[in-house]
Protein backbone atom coordinates (compact mmCIF):
# COMPACT_ATOMS: atom_id res chain seq x y z
CA MET A 1 -107.86 87.79 87.01
CA LYS A 2 -108.58 87.66 83.31
CA ALA A 3 -108.75 84.25 81.61
CA PHE A 4 -105.95 83.70 79.11
CA ARG A 5 -105.75 81.38 76.13
CA VAL A 6 -102.54 79.58 75.17
CA ARG A 7 -100.68 80.32 71.96
CA TYR A 8 -97.46 78.48 71.02
CA THR A 9 -94.70 79.80 68.81
CA PRO A 10 -93.66 77.33 66.11
CA GLU A 11 -90.35 76.84 67.96
CA ALA A 12 -92.08 76.01 71.25
CA ALA A 13 -94.53 73.62 69.57
CA SER A 14 -91.65 71.83 67.85
CA LEU A 15 -89.63 71.56 71.06
CA ILE A 16 -92.60 70.18 73.01
CA ARG A 17 -93.35 67.57 70.31
CA LYS A 18 -89.79 66.22 70.64
CA LEU A 19 -89.96 65.72 74.42
CA HIS A 20 -90.34 62.37 76.17
CA PRO A 21 -94.05 61.66 76.91
CA GLU A 22 -93.55 61.96 80.68
CA ILE A 23 -91.87 65.36 80.30
CA LYS A 24 -94.65 66.48 77.93
CA ARG A 25 -97.20 65.56 80.58
CA ARG A 26 -95.35 67.64 83.16
CA ILE A 27 -95.00 70.58 80.77
CA ARG A 28 -98.76 70.45 80.06
CA GLY A 29 -99.33 70.51 83.82
CA GLY A 30 -97.05 73.54 84.09
CA ILE A 31 -98.98 75.32 81.35
CA LYS A 32 -102.24 74.53 83.14
CA THR A 33 -100.76 76.09 86.29
CA LEU A 34 -99.83 79.18 84.27
CA LEU A 35 -103.38 79.49 82.95
CA GLU A 36 -104.67 79.41 86.51
CA ASN A 37 -102.04 81.91 87.71
CA PRO A 38 -100.21 83.59 84.81
CA LEU A 39 -97.90 85.54 87.12
CA SER A 40 -96.58 82.43 88.90
CA GLY A 41 -93.44 82.38 86.76
CA HIS A 42 -90.66 84.79 87.57
CA GLU A 43 -89.84 87.81 85.45
CA LEU A 44 -86.70 87.59 83.38
CA ARG A 45 -84.27 90.49 83.21
CA PHE A 46 -81.84 92.25 80.93
CA GLU A 47 -82.15 91.22 77.28
CA LEU A 48 -84.93 88.78 78.22
CA SER A 49 -87.06 91.36 80.02
CA GLY A 50 -90.71 91.13 79.06
CA PHE A 51 -90.57 87.34 79.29
CA ARG A 52 -91.32 85.10 82.23
CA SER A 53 -90.02 81.66 83.20
CA HIS A 54 -91.96 78.88 84.92
CA ARG A 55 -90.11 75.96 86.48
CA VAL A 56 -91.15 72.36 85.80
CA LYS A 57 -88.53 70.11 87.45
CA ASN A 58 -85.32 70.86 85.53
CA TYR A 59 -87.22 72.29 82.55
CA ARG A 60 -88.32 75.87 82.00
CA ILE A 61 -91.34 77.20 80.14
CA ILE A 62 -90.52 80.65 78.76
CA TYR A 63 -93.62 82.71 78.08
CA ARG A 64 -95.08 86.18 77.92
CA LEU A 65 -98.50 87.58 78.55
CA ASN A 66 -100.19 89.37 75.69
CA ASP A 67 -102.78 91.06 77.87
CA PRO A 68 -104.68 93.10 75.25
CA GLU A 69 -105.32 89.99 73.14
CA GLY A 70 -105.76 87.66 76.12
CA PHE A 71 -102.98 85.24 75.18
CA LEU A 72 -100.38 83.46 77.24
CA GLU A 73 -97.74 82.92 74.57
CA ILE A 74 -95.38 79.98 75.06
CA LEU A 75 -92.12 80.98 73.39
CA PHE A 76 -89.65 78.29 74.35
CA VAL A 77 -89.34 75.12 76.42
CA GLY A 78 -86.08 73.49 77.42
CA GLN A 79 -83.78 72.21 80.11
CA ARG A 80 -82.55 74.76 82.61
CA ARG A 81 -78.90 74.28 81.69
CA ASP A 82 -79.29 75.85 78.24
CA VAL A 83 -82.79 77.25 77.82
CA TYR A 84 -81.84 80.89 78.39
CA GLU A 85 -78.87 80.82 76.01
CA SER A 86 -80.96 79.03 73.37
CA LEU A 87 -83.72 81.62 73.73
CA ARG A 88 -81.21 84.48 73.41
CA ALA A 89 -79.83 82.90 70.22
CA LEU A 90 -83.34 82.48 68.80
CA LEU A 91 -84.27 86.09 69.57
CA LEU A 92 -81.04 87.32 68.00
CA GLU A 93 -81.70 85.22 64.90
CA LYS A 94 -85.27 86.55 64.61
CA SER A 95 -84.18 90.16 65.07
CA SER A 96 -81.70 89.86 62.19
CA ASP A 97 -84.36 88.53 59.77
């Protein structure tokens, strides 16, 4: 499998910076796992199709693979209880800009 490089959206970078150090460590470990096996996360459906989600305890890393450019793009990180709704709101906000 092709080697990917990580790219963070500004939103994802900001969310990660605000996390507790222990959670950050786990998220970094999850991203390392994704670099080793980019398809390990499950595909999202409906309005979130094209994105994937990787589980790290009760957090989710939302990402997509930009295969032509060789990037694994981290779009959003958050707790399971609201990560998908928050991502939908962000995408809606960006599409209206």
